[in-house]
Amino acid sequence: MEKLLRKMGCYNTNKDESGHPLWYSPITKKLFAMSHHHSREVANGTLIKILKAAGNR
């Protein structure tokens, strides 16, 4: 997930919101919360929400 976001130009701001890291998307010019899933699968709804916030949908 993080690889895809980085490829899109997004980056971690090193800030947290409710325990979730905040990322910034240069496409949408918005901050969005990412989850700490690492190698675990992300639920479809969560995945869609993150990709939309990053500007991929």
Protein backbone atom coordinates (compact mmCIF):
# COMPACT_ATOMS: atom_id res chain seq x y z
CA MET A 1 0.00 0.00 0.00
CA GLU A 2 2.73 2.44 0.97
CA LYS A 3 4.67 1.67 -2.23
CA LEU A 4 1.64 2.56 -4.34
CA LEU A 5 1.03 5.79 -2.43
CA ARG A 6 4.68 6.81 -2.73
CA LYS A 7 4.55 6.08 -6.46
CA MET A 8 1.59 8.47 -6.67
CA GLY A 9 3.71 11.16 -4.95
CA CYS A 10 2.10 10.87 -1.52
CA TYR A 11 4.24 11.00 1.58
CA ASN A 12 4.05 10.48 5.34
CA THR A 13 3.92 13.78 7.24
CA ASN A 14 5.23 12.14 10.45
CA LYS A 15 2.10 13.35 12.25
CA ASP A 16 -0.62 11.17 13.76
CA GLU A 17 -4.39 11.48 14.01
CA SER A 18 -6.08 9.10 16.46
CA GLY A 19 -3.06 6.80 16.28
CA HIS A 20 -2.97 6.65 12.47
CA PRO A 21 -0.19 8.26 10.45
CA LEU A 22 -1.22 11.26 8.35
CA TRP A 23 -0.17 11.26 4.70
CA TYR A 24 -0.29 14.11 2.19
CA SER A 25 -1.40 13.81 -1.43
CA PRO A 26 -0.03 16.37 -3.89
CA ILE A 27 -2.80 15.35 -6.31
CA THR A 28 -5.71 16.27 -4.02
CA LYS A 29 -3.65 18.61 -1.81
CA LYS A 30 -5.20 16.96 1.25
CA LEU A 31 -4.09 15.10 4.35
CA PHE A 32 -5.51 11.63 4.92
CA ALA A 33 -5.13 8.99 7.60
CA MET A 34 -3.36 5.76 6.66
CA SER A 35 -3.61 2.54 8.62
CA HIS A 36 -0.83 0.47 10.22
CA HIS A 37 -1.48 -2.69 8.22
CA HIS A 38 2.06 -3.24 6.91
CA SER A 39 1.91 -6.65 5.18
CA ARG A 40 -1.64 -7.50 6.32
CA GLU A 41 -4.56 -7.10 3.94
CA VAL A 42 -6.55 -3.89 4.06
CA ALA A 43 -10.37 -4.08 4.07
CA ASN A 44 -11.91 -3.09 0.72
CA GLY A 45 -13.78 -0.09 2.14
CA THR A 46 -10.63 1.20 3.84
CA LEU A 47 -8.59 0.68 0.68
CA ILE A 48 -11.09 2.58 -1.47
CA LYS A 49 -11.24 5.45 1.04
CA ILE A 50 -7.43 5.78 1.17
CA LEU A 51 -7.04 5.60 -2.64
CA LYS A 52 -9.80 8.18 -3.14
CA ALA A 53 -8.16 10.55 -0.66
CA ALA A 54 -4.84 10.04 -2.45
CA GLY A 55 -6.41 10.97 -5.79
CA ASN A 56 -6.56 7.57 -7.45
CA ARG A 57 -10.36 7.42 -8.01
